[in-house]
Amino acid sequence: MLLVVKLGGSAITDKSKLFFFREQRAELFARELARVLESGRKAVVVHGGGSFGHPIASKYRLQEGGLTQEKLLGFAETRYWMNELNQRIVKALLRHGVPAATVQTSAIALAEKGSLHELNTAPIERFLEMGLVPVLYGDVVPDLSCGMAILSGDVIAAHLACTLRASALIFLMGSGGVYSKPPGTPGAHLVRELREEDVIDVGDSRGVDVTGGLRQKLEYAFKAARCGARVTIGGVDYLWEMALGVDAPYTMICVSGMRTP
């Protein structure tokens, strides 16, 4: 049974503070993922950029494409900081006995006109066969039409869930799920089941986000659910429950004909 776990940047960084890593949250994630793996499940992890990737990509306006010298420097600098964040997450996983192995996204993915064009899953599938936990991340990647593009971790996670026929896709967010209104707003409450026809106020991302925020996350969450994956959105605290299908305070994405765990 394969799980794809998207670890949101807001879950392990403070997106309003440059390069601020939430080490205790990363340790909790690693501990909970180790518990999930002990149940016999396999996992692919995809993490976001948080306050490491987004501010640098925004500074150089990489989402607009281009191949000027400044853009190339921005490409390299964004890759540097995403690698830095990745290594911190992998280090936490290793400390908890998780055989995490990085797969560099920009080495296996191509975009075209800003959208995912190709993602070579062969290394990921081989890692899984070996018993490893592949760890990818949202990244700046080559674009066949406009030089370079930002490839969101949400896009990667949904694509992998569909392509690898994962049983579940789990989105981990700092907010702990999807709310009827932005968390902290009077009257806001956790939405336990979310359908495409439901209306919610997604508000704006806290901090810099060059990938589309919650609106795009939900778009790809529903896409993965239509592929047959059980899709949930919640906090790191409830990773084990979401993985095993145990009831807890998180949001479930509902589409017609969805699988049961």
C-alpha atoms as a PDB file:
ATOM      1  CA  MET A   1       0.000   0.000   0.000  1.00  0.00           C
ATOM      2  CA  LEU A   2       1.602   3.245  -1.188  1.00  0.00           C
ATOM      3  CA  LEU A   3       1.103   6.666   0.352  1.00  0.00           C
ATOM      4  CA  VAL A   4       2.165   9.991  -1.115  1.00  0.00           C
ATOM      5  CA  VAL A   5       2.745  12.536   1.637  1.00  0.00           C
ATOM      6  CA  LYS A   6       2.937  16.214   0.720  1.00  0.00           C
ATOM      7  CA  LEU A   7       4.660  18.042   3.573  1.00  0.00           C
ATOM      8  CA  GLY A   8       3.638  21.655   3.158  1.00  0.00           C
ATOM      9  CA  GLY A   9       6.148  24.431   3.613  1.00  0.00           C
ATOM     10  CA  SER A  10       3.848  25.993   6.205  1.00  0.00           C
ATOM     11  CA  ALA A  11       4.059  22.806   8.281  1.00  0.00           C
ATOM     12  CA  ILE A  12       7.837  22.877   8.749  1.00  0.00           C
ATOM     13  CA  THR A  13       8.828  26.541   8.168  1.00  0.00           C
ATOM     14  CA  ASP A  14       7.452  29.936   9.118  1.00  0.00           C
ATOM     15  CA  LYS A  15       6.629  31.357   5.692  1.00  0.00           C
ATOM     16  CA  SER A  16       6.705  34.903   7.076  1.00  0.00           C
ATOM     17  CA  LYS A  17      10.337  34.544   8.280  1.00  0.00           C
ATOM     18  CA  LEU A  18      13.170  33.927   5.823  1.00  0.00           C
ATOM     19  CA  PHE A  19      14.856  30.507   6.255  1.00  0.00           C
ATOM     20  CA  PHE A  20      12.983  29.779   9.499  1.00  0.00           C
ATOM     21  CA  PHE A  21      12.904  26.004  10.012  1.00  0.00           C
ATOM     22  CA  ARG A  22      10.486  24.477  12.529  1.00  0.00           C
ATOM     23  CA  GLU A  23      12.769  21.739  13.803  1.00  0.00           C
ATOM     24  CA  GLN A  24      10.335  20.368  16.377  1.00  0.00           C
ATOM     25  CA  ARG A  25       7.610  20.019  13.724  1.00  0.00           C
ATOM     26  CA  ALA A  26      10.061  18.258  11.416  1.00  0.00           C
ATOM     27  CA  GLU A  27      10.939  15.848  14.235  1.00  0.00           C
ATOM     28  CA  LEU A  28       7.241  15.185  14.849  1.00  0.00           C
ATOM     29  CA  PHE A  29       6.714  14.519  11.145  1.00  0.00           C
ATOM     30  CA  ALA A  30       9.635  12.095  11.074  1.00  0.00           C
ATOM     31  CA  ARG A  31       8.394  10.266  14.166  1.00  0.00           C
ATOM     32  CA  GLU A  32       4.851   9.942  12.812  1.00  0.00           C
ATOM     33  CA  LEU A  33       6.030   8.796   9.377  1.00  0.00           C
ATOM     34  CA  ALA A  34       8.180   6.120  11.044  1.00  0.00           C
ATOM     35  CA  ARG A  35       5.017   4.878  12.807  1.00  0.00           C
ATOM     36  CA  VAL A  36       3.178   4.727   9.491  1.00  0.00           C
ATOM     37  CA  LEU A  37       5.968   2.745   7.842  1.00  0.00           C
ATOM     38  CA  GLU A  38       5.927   0.257  10.732  1.00  0.00           C
ATOM     39  CA  SER A  39       2.363  -0.618   9.664  1.00  0.00           C
ATOM     40  CA  GLY A  40       3.767  -2.052   6.423  1.00  0.00           C
ATOM     41  CA  ARG A  41       2.971   0.861   4.142  1.00  0.00           C
ATOM     42  CA  LYS A  42       5.375   2.450   1.659  1.00  0.00           C
ATOM     43  CA  ALA A  43       5.665   6.201   1.217  1.00  0.00           C
ATOM     44  CA  VAL A  44       6.875   8.916  -1.113  1.00  0.00           C
ATOM     45  CA  VAL A  45       7.436  12.316   0.495  1.00  0.00           C
ATOM     46  CA  VAL A  46       7.152  15.601  -1.385  1.00  0.00           C
ATOM     47  CA  HIS A  47       7.861  18.774   0.565  1.00  0.00           C
ATOM     48  CA  GLY A  48       7.197  22.406  -0.205  1.00  0.00           C
ATOM     49  CA  GLY A  49       9.577  25.348  -0.242  1.00  0.00           C
ATOM     50  CA  GLY A  50       8.181  27.399   2.623  1.00  0.00           C
ATOM     51  CA  SER A  51      10.403  30.289   3.654  1.00  0.00           C
ATOM     52  CA  PHE A  52      13.415  28.711   1.911  1.00  0.00           C
ATOM     53  CA  GLY A  53      12.235  28.455  -1.712  1.00  0.00           C
ATOM     54  CA  HIS A  54       9.385  30.908  -2.222  1.00  0.00           C
ATOM     55  CA  PRO A  55      11.111  34.174  -1.200  1.00  0.00           C
ATOM     56  CA  ILE A  56      14.128  33.517  -3.446  1.00  0.00           C
ATOM     57  CA  ALA A  57      11.989  32.480  -6.413  1.00  0.00           C
ATOM     58  CA  SER A  58       9.835  35.579  -5.881  1.00  0.00           C
ATOM     59  CA  LYS A  59      12.893  37.847  -5.602  1.00  0.00           C
ATOM     60  CA  TYR A  60      14.056  36.790  -9.084  1.00  0.00           C
ATOM     61  CA  ARG A  61      10.487  36.446 -10.451  1.00  0.00           C
ATOM     62  CA  LEU A  62      11.279  32.958 -11.666  1.00  0.00           C
ATOM     63  CA  GLN A  63       7.590  32.158 -12.169  1.00  0.00           C
ATOM     64  CA  GLU A  64       7.709  34.508 -15.173  1.00  0.00           C
ATOM     65  CA  GLY A  65      10.376  32.402 -16.928  1.00  0.00           C
ATOM     66  CA  GLY A  66      13.349  33.688 -18.881  1.00  0.00           C
ATOM     67  CA  LEU A  67      17.013  32.789 -19.289  1.00  0.00           C
ATOM     68  CA  THR A  68      18.838  36.023 -18.492  1.00  0.00           C
ATOM     69  CA  GLN A  69      21.962  35.874 -16.361  1.00  0.00           C
ATOM     70  CA  GLU A  70      19.973  37.160 -13.392  1.00  0.00           C
ATOM     71  CA  LYS A  71      17.314  34.461 -13.884  1.00  0.00           C
ATOM     72  CA  LEU A  72      19.987  31.775 -14.083  1.00  0.00           C
ATOM     73  CA  LEU A  73      21.482  33.029 -10.839  1.00  0.00           C
ATOM     74  CA  GLY A  74      18.009  32.915  -9.304  1.00  0.00           C
ATOM     75  CA  PHE A  75      17.528  29.358 -10.588  1.00  0.00           C
ATOM     76  CA  ALA A  76      20.799  28.283  -8.953  1.00  0.00           C
ATOM     77  CA  GLU A  77      20.133  30.154  -5.700  1.00  0.00           C
ATOM     78  CA  THR A  78      16.615  28.701  -5.396  1.00  0.00           C
ATOM     79  CA  ARG A  79      18.045  25.227  -5.980  1.00  0.00           C
ATOM     80  CA  TYR A  80      20.648  25.845  -3.280  1.00  0.00           C
ATOM     81  CA  TRP A  81      18.087  26.801  -0.636  1.00  0.00           C
ATOM     82  CA  MET A  82      15.664  24.036  -1.588  1.00  0.00           C
ATOM     83  CA  ASN A  83      18.509  21.575  -1.188  1.00  0.00           C
ATOM     84  CA  GLU A  84      19.289  23.092   2.225  1.00  0.00           C
ATOM     85  CA  LEU A  85      15.688  22.611   3.374  1.00  0.00           C
ATOM     86  CA  ASN A  86      15.595  19.114   1.903  1.00  0.00           C
ATOM     87  CA  GLN A  87      18.707  18.067   3.791  1.00  0.00           C
ATOM     88  CA  ARG A  88      17.243  19.246   7.088  1.00  0.00           C
ATOM     89  CA  ILE A  89      14.080  17.223   6.506  1.00  0.00           C
ATOM     90  CA  VAL A  90      15.992  14.134   5.402  1.00  0.00           C
ATOM     91  CA  LYS A  91      18.256  14.448   8.448  1.00  0.00           C
ATOM     92  CA  ALA A  92      15.211  14.399  10.744  1.00  0.00           C
ATOM     93  CA  LEU A  93      13.843  11.320   8.955  1.00  0.00           C
ATOM     94  CA  LEU A  94      17.157   9.492   9.252  1.00  0.00           C
ATOM     95  CA  ARG A  95      17.276  10.215  12.989  1.00  0.00           C
ATOM     96  CA  HIS A  96      14.008   8.292  13.324  1.00  0.00           C
ATOM     97  CA  GLY A  97      15.145   5.311  11.280  1.00  0.00           C
ATOM     98  CA  VAL A  98      13.383   6.272   8.044  1.00  0.00           C
ATOM     99  CA  PRO A  99      15.552   5.339   5.003  1.00  0.00           C
ATOM    100  CA  ALA A 100      14.882   8.638   3.240  1.00  0.00           C
ATOM    101  CA  ALA A 101      16.667   9.253  -0.060  1.00  0.00           C
ATOM    102  CA  THR A 102      16.470  12.545  -1.947  1.00  0.00           C
ATOM    103  CA  VAL A 103      15.348  12.610  -5.578  1.00  0.00           C
ATOM    104  CA  GLN A 104      16.243  16.000  -7.068  1.00  0.00           C
ATOM    105  CA  THR A 105      13.093  17.237  -8.773  1.00  0.00           C
ATOM    106  CA  SER A 106      14.809  19.484 -11.321  1.00  0.00           C
ATOM    107  CA  ALA A 107      16.864  16.497 -12.537  1.00  0.00           C
ATOM    108  CA  ILE A 108      13.815  14.376 -13.456  1.00  0.00           C
ATOM    109  CA  ALA A 109      11.134  16.954 -14.373  1.00  0.00           C
ATOM    110  CA  LEU A 110      10.432  19.268 -17.303  1.00  0.00           C
ATOM    111  CA  ALA A 111       7.776  21.944 -17.634  1.00  0.00           C
ATOM    112  CA  GLU A 112       6.204  23.529 -20.698  1.00  0.00           C
ATOM    113  CA  LYS A 113       4.428  26.880 -20.607  1.00  0.00           C
ATOM    114  CA  GLY A 114       4.584  26.778 -16.827  1.00  0.00           C
ATOM    115  CA  SER A 115       2.898  23.389 -16.422  1.00  0.00           C
ATOM    116  CA  LEU A 116       4.310  19.937 -15.748  1.00  0.00           C
ATOM    117  CA  HIS A 117       5.314  18.348 -19.046  1.00  0.00           C
ATOM    118  CA  GLU A 118       7.286  15.287 -17.990  1.00  0.00           C
ATOM    119  CA  LEU A 119       8.358  13.635 -14.754  1.00  0.00           C
ATOM    120  CA  ASN A 120      10.541  10.520 -14.909  1.00  0.00           C
ATOM    121  CA  THR A 121       9.215   8.234 -12.181  1.00  0.00           C
ATOM    122  CA  ALA A 122      11.649   5.347 -12.871  1.00  0.00           C
ATOM    123  CA  PRO A 123      14.135   6.360 -10.117  1.00  0.00           C
ATOM    124  CA  ILE A 124      11.269   6.829  -7.657  1.00  0.00           C
ATOM    125  CA  GLU A 125       9.769   3.433  -8.453  1.00  0.00           C
ATOM    126  CA  ARG A 126      13.160   1.733  -8.134  1.00  0.00           C
ATOM    127  CA  PHE A 127      13.790   3.419  -4.769  1.00  0.00           C
ATOM    128  CA  LEU A 128      10.427   2.096  -3.551  1.00  0.00           C
ATOM    129  CA  GLU A 129      11.271  -1.418  -4.758  1.00  0.00           C
ATOM    130  CA  MET A 130      14.532  -1.203  -2.802  1.00  0.00           C
ATOM    131  CA  GLY A 131      12.649  -0.249   0.366  1.00  0.00           C
ATOM    132  CA  LEU A 132      13.712   3.397   0.405  1.00  0.00           C
ATOM    133  CA  VAL A 133      11.508   6.426   1.016  1.00  0.00           C
ATOM    134  CA  PRO A 134      11.986   8.824  -1.927  1.00  0.00           C
ATOM    135  CA  VAL A 135      11.916  12.498  -0.929  1.00  0.00           C
ATOM    136  CA  LEU A 136      11.166  15.080  -3.622  1.00  0.00           C
ATOM    137  CA  TYR A 137      10.270  18.743  -3.343  1.00  0.00           C
ATOM    138  CA  GLY A 138       8.738  21.674  -5.160  1.00  0.00           C
ATOM    139  CA  ASP A 139      11.449  23.205  -7.295  1.00  0.00           C
ATOM    140  CA  VAL A 140      12.431  25.462 -10.166  1.00  0.00           C
ATOM    141  CA  VAL A 141      12.760  23.270 -13.268  1.00  0.00           C
ATOM    142  CA  PRO A 142      13.690  23.695 -16.949  1.00  0.00           C
ATOM    143  CA  ASP A 143      10.768  24.820 -19.129  1.00  0.00           C
ATOM    144  CA  LEU A 144      10.736  23.897 -22.817  1.00  0.00           C
ATOM    145  CA  SER A 145       8.875  27.068 -23.779  1.00  0.00           C
ATOM    146  CA  CYS A 146       9.969  29.824 -21.391  1.00  0.00           C
ATOM    147  CA  GLY A 147      13.313  28.732 -20.000  1.00  0.00           C
ATOM    148  CA  MET A 148      12.332  27.873 -16.439  1.00  0.00           C
ATOM    149  CA  ALA A 149       9.242  27.475 -14.290  1.00  0.00           C
ATOM    150  CA  ILE A 150       8.213  26.828 -10.712  1.00  0.00           C
ATOM    151  CA  LEU A 151       6.904  23.296 -10.233  1.00  0.00           C
ATOM    152  CA  SER A 152       4.776  23.124  -7.104  1.00  0.00           C
ATOM    153  CA  GLY A 153       5.079  20.273  -4.651  1.00  0.00           C
ATOM    154  CA  ASP A 154       1.274  19.979  -4.784  1.00  0.00           C
ATOM    155  CA  VAL A 155       1.431  19.333  -8.532  1.00  0.00           C
ATOM    156  CA  ILE A 156       4.193  16.757  -8.070  1.00  0.00           C
ATOM    157  CA  ALA A 157       2.361  14.985  -5.247  1.00  0.00           C
ATOM    158  CA  ALA A 158      -0.927  14.735  -7.158  1.00  0.00           C
ATOM    159  CA  HIS A 159       0.877  13.572 -10.300  1.00  0.00           C
ATOM    160  CA  LEU A 160       2.706  10.842  -8.369  1.00  0.00           C
ATOM    161  CA  ALA A 161      -0.475   9.743  -6.602  1.00  0.00           C
ATOM    162  CA  CYS A 162      -2.155   9.226  -9.978  1.00  0.00           C
ATOM    163  CA  THR A 163       0.823   7.807 -11.880  1.00  0.00           C
ATOM    164  CA  LEU A 164       1.939   5.387  -9.138  1.00  0.00           C
ATOM    165  CA  ARG A 165      -1.674   4.516  -8.245  1.00  0.00           C
ATOM    166  CA  ALA A 166      -1.179   5.421  -4.595  1.00  0.00           C
ATOM    167  CA  SER A 167      -3.860   4.349  -2.162  1.00  0.00           C
ATOM    168  CA  ALA A 168      -3.722   7.707  -0.402  1.00  0.00           C
ATOM    169  CA  LEU A 169      -2.461  11.260  -0.814  1.00  0.00           C
ATOM    170  CA  ILE A 170      -1.957  13.174   2.416  1.00  0.00           C
ATOM    171  CA  PHE A 171      -1.467  16.944   2.467  1.00  0.00           C
ATOM    172  CA  LEU A 172       0.105  18.212   5.697  1.00  0.00           C
ATOM    173  CA  MET A 173      -0.450  21.906   6.406  1.00  0.00           C
ATOM    174  CA  GLY A 174       0.432  24.290   9.203  1.00  0.00           C
ATOM    175  CA  SER A 175      -3.249  25.219   9.569  1.00  0.00           C
ATOM    176  CA  GLY A 176      -4.241  21.603  10.256  1.00  0.00           C
ATOM    177  CA  GLY A 177      -6.809  21.288   7.462  1.00  0.00           C
ATOM    178  CA  VAL A 178      -9.238  23.279   5.340  1.00  0.00           C
ATOM    179  CA  TYR A 179     -11.399  25.820   7.134  1.00  0.00           C
ATOM    180  CA  SER A 180     -14.675  27.452   6.124  1.00  0.00           C
ATOM    181  CA  LYS A 181     -12.877  30.797   6.412  1.00  0.00           C
ATOM    182  CA  PRO A 182      -9.201  31.665   6.966  1.00  0.00           C
ATOM    183  CA  PRO A 183      -8.176  30.243  10.388  1.00  0.00           C
ATOM    184  CA  GLY A 184      -8.519  32.844  13.118  1.00  0.00           C
ATOM    185  CA  THR A 185     -11.417  34.553  11.345  1.00  0.00           C
ATOM    186  CA  PRO A 186     -14.590  34.747  13.504  1.00  0.00           C
ATOM    187  CA  GLY A 187     -16.871  31.831  12.647  1.00  0.00           C
ATOM    188  CA  ALA A 188     -14.160  29.775  10.954  1.00  0.00           C
ATOM    189  CA  HIS A 189     -14.407  26.019  11.500  1.00  0.00           C
ATOM    190  CA  LEU A 190     -12.610  22.937  10.218  1.00  0.00           C
ATOM    191  CA  VAL A 191     -14.326  21.419   7.191  1.00  0.00           C
ATOM    192  CA  ARG A 192     -14.367  17.676   7.807  1.00  0.00           C
ATOM    193  CA  GLU A 193     -15.585  16.692   4.313  1.00  0.00           C
ATOM    194  CA  LEU A 194     -15.027  18.874   1.261  1.00  0.00           C
ATOM    195  CA  ARG A 195     -16.752  18.422  -2.089  1.00  0.00           C
ATOM    196  CA  GLU A 196     -16.098  20.290  -5.319  1.00  0.00           C
ATOM    197  CA  GLU A 197     -19.413  22.083  -5.145  1.00  0.00           C
ATOM    198  CA  ASP A 198     -18.779  23.396  -1.620  1.00  0.00           C
ATOM    199  CA  VAL A 199     -17.994  27.091  -1.222  1.00  0.00           C
ATOM    200  CA  ILE A 200     -15.254  28.184   1.175  1.00  0.00           C
ATOM    201  CA  ASP A 201     -13.232  31.361   1.649  1.00  0.00           C
ATOM    202  CA  VAL A 202      -9.620  30.342   0.896  1.00  0.00           C
ATOM    203  CA  GLY A 203      -8.225  33.791   1.824  1.00  0.00           C
ATOM    204  CA  ASP A 204      -4.558  34.536   1.103  1.00  0.00           C
ATOM    205  CA  SER A 205      -1.355  32.690   1.968  1.00  0.00           C
ATOM    206  CA  ARG A 206       0.646  33.975   4.942  1.00  0.00           C
ATOM    207  CA  GLY A 207       4.064  34.909   3.618  1.00  0.00           C
ATOM    208  CA  VAL A 208       5.319  34.650   0.043  1.00  0.00           C
ATOM    209  CA  ASP A 209       3.871  31.852  -2.109  1.00  0.00           C
ATOM    210  CA  VAL A 210       4.681  31.679  -5.839  1.00  0.00           C
ATOM    211  CA  THR A 211       2.726  28.459  -6.489  1.00  0.00           C
ATOM    212  CA  GLY A 212      -0.939  29.350  -6.075  1.00  0.00           C
ATOM    213  CA  GLY A 213      -1.573  28.644  -2.380  1.00  0.00           C
ATOM    214  CA  LEU A 214      -4.623  26.776  -1.070  1.00  0.00           C
ATOM    215  CA  ARG A 215      -6.697  27.276  -4.213  1.00  0.00           C
ATOM    216  CA  GLN A 216      -4.210  25.313  -6.318  1.00  0.00           C
ATOM    217  CA  LYS A 217      -3.748  22.712  -3.566  1.00  0.00           C
ATOM    218  CA  LEU A 218      -7.467  21.949  -3.629  1.00  0.00           C
ATOM    219  CA  GLU A 219      -7.507  21.756  -7.431  1.00  0.00           C
ATOM    220  CA  TYR A 220      -4.869  19.037  -7.380  1.00  0.00           C
ATOM    221  CA  ALA A 221      -6.354  17.349  -4.329  1.00  0.00           C
ATOM    222  CA  PHE A 222      -9.587  16.777  -6.240  1.00  0.00           C
ATOM    223  CA  LYS A 223      -7.625  15.627  -9.280  1.00  0.00           C
ATOM    224  CA  ALA A 224      -5.875  12.926  -7.224  1.00  0.00           C
ATOM    225  CA  ALA A 225      -9.163  11.906  -5.608  1.00  0.00           C
ATOM    226  CA  ARG A 226     -10.676  11.389  -9.060  1.00  0.00           C
ATOM    227  CA  CYS A 227      -7.715   9.089  -9.805  1.00  0.00           C
ATOM    228  CA  GLY A 228      -8.850   6.881  -6.943  1.00  0.00           C
ATOM    229  CA  ALA A 229      -6.612   8.017  -4.083  1.00  0.00           C
ATOM    230  CA  ARG A 230      -8.033   8.700  -0.633  1.00  0.00           C
ATOM    231  CA  VAL A 231      -7.100  12.367  -0.187  1.00  0.00           C
ATOM    232  CA  THR A 232      -6.915  14.085   3.176  1.00  0.00           C
ATOM    233  CA  ILE A 233      -5.633  17.469   4.349  1.00  0.00           C
ATOM    234  CA  GLY A 234      -4.565  18.013   7.934  1.00  0.00           C
ATOM    235  CA  GLY A 235      -1.831  18.689  10.454  1.00  0.00           C
ATOM    236  CA  VAL A 236       1.372  16.773  11.111  1.00  0.00           C
ATOM    237  CA  ASP A 237      -0.077  15.626  14.454  1.00  0.00           C
ATOM    238  CA  TYR A 238      -2.604  13.433  12.637  1.00  0.00           C
ATOM    239  CA  LEU A 239      -0.412  11.907   9.915  1.00  0.00           C
ATOM    240  CA  TRP A 240      -0.794   8.401  11.353  1.00  0.00           C
ATOM    241  CA  GLU A 241      -4.587   8.724  11.524  1.00  0.00           C
ATOM    242  CA  MET A 242      -4.826  10.044   7.970  1.00  0.00           C
ATOM    243  CA  ALA A 243      -2.575   7.264   6.678  1.00  0.00           C
ATOM    244  CA  LEU A 244      -4.607   4.504   8.326  1.00  0.00           C
ATOM    245  CA  GLY A 245      -8.022   6.041   7.732  1.00  0.00           C
ATOM    246  CA  VAL A 246      -8.721   6.640  11.440  1.00  0.00           C
ATOM    247  CA  ASP A 247     -11.156   9.422  12.298  1.00  0.00           C
ATOM    248  CA  ALA A 248      -9.470  12.594  13.589  1.00  0.00           C
ATOM    249  CA  PRO A 249      -9.687  16.395  13.059  1.00  0.00           C
ATOM    250  CA  TYR A 250      -8.678  16.646   9.397  1.00  0.00           C
ATOM    251  CA  THR A 251     -10.352  17.358   6.053  1.00  0.00           C
ATOM    252  CA  MET A 252     -11.315  14.599   3.647  1.00  0.00           C
ATOM    253  CA  ILE A 253     -11.665  15.339  -0.065  1.00  0.00           C
ATOM    254  CA  CYS A 254     -14.841  13.702  -1.361  1.00  0.00           C
ATOM    255  CA  VAL A 255     -15.661  12.763  -4.941  1.00  0.00           C
ATOM    256  CA  SER A 256     -18.211  10.296  -6.277  1.00  0.00           C
ATOM    257  CA  GLY A 257     -17.030   6.701  -6.428  1.00  0.00           C
ATOM    258  CA  MET A 258     -14.068   7.265  -4.084  1.00  0.00           C
ATOM    259  CA  ARG A 259     -12.299   4.302  -2.525  1.00  0.00           C
ATOM    260  CA  THR A 260     -12.556   3.422   1.135  1.00  0.00           C
ATOM    261  CA  PRO A 261      -9.340   2.706   3.067  1.00  0.00           C
END
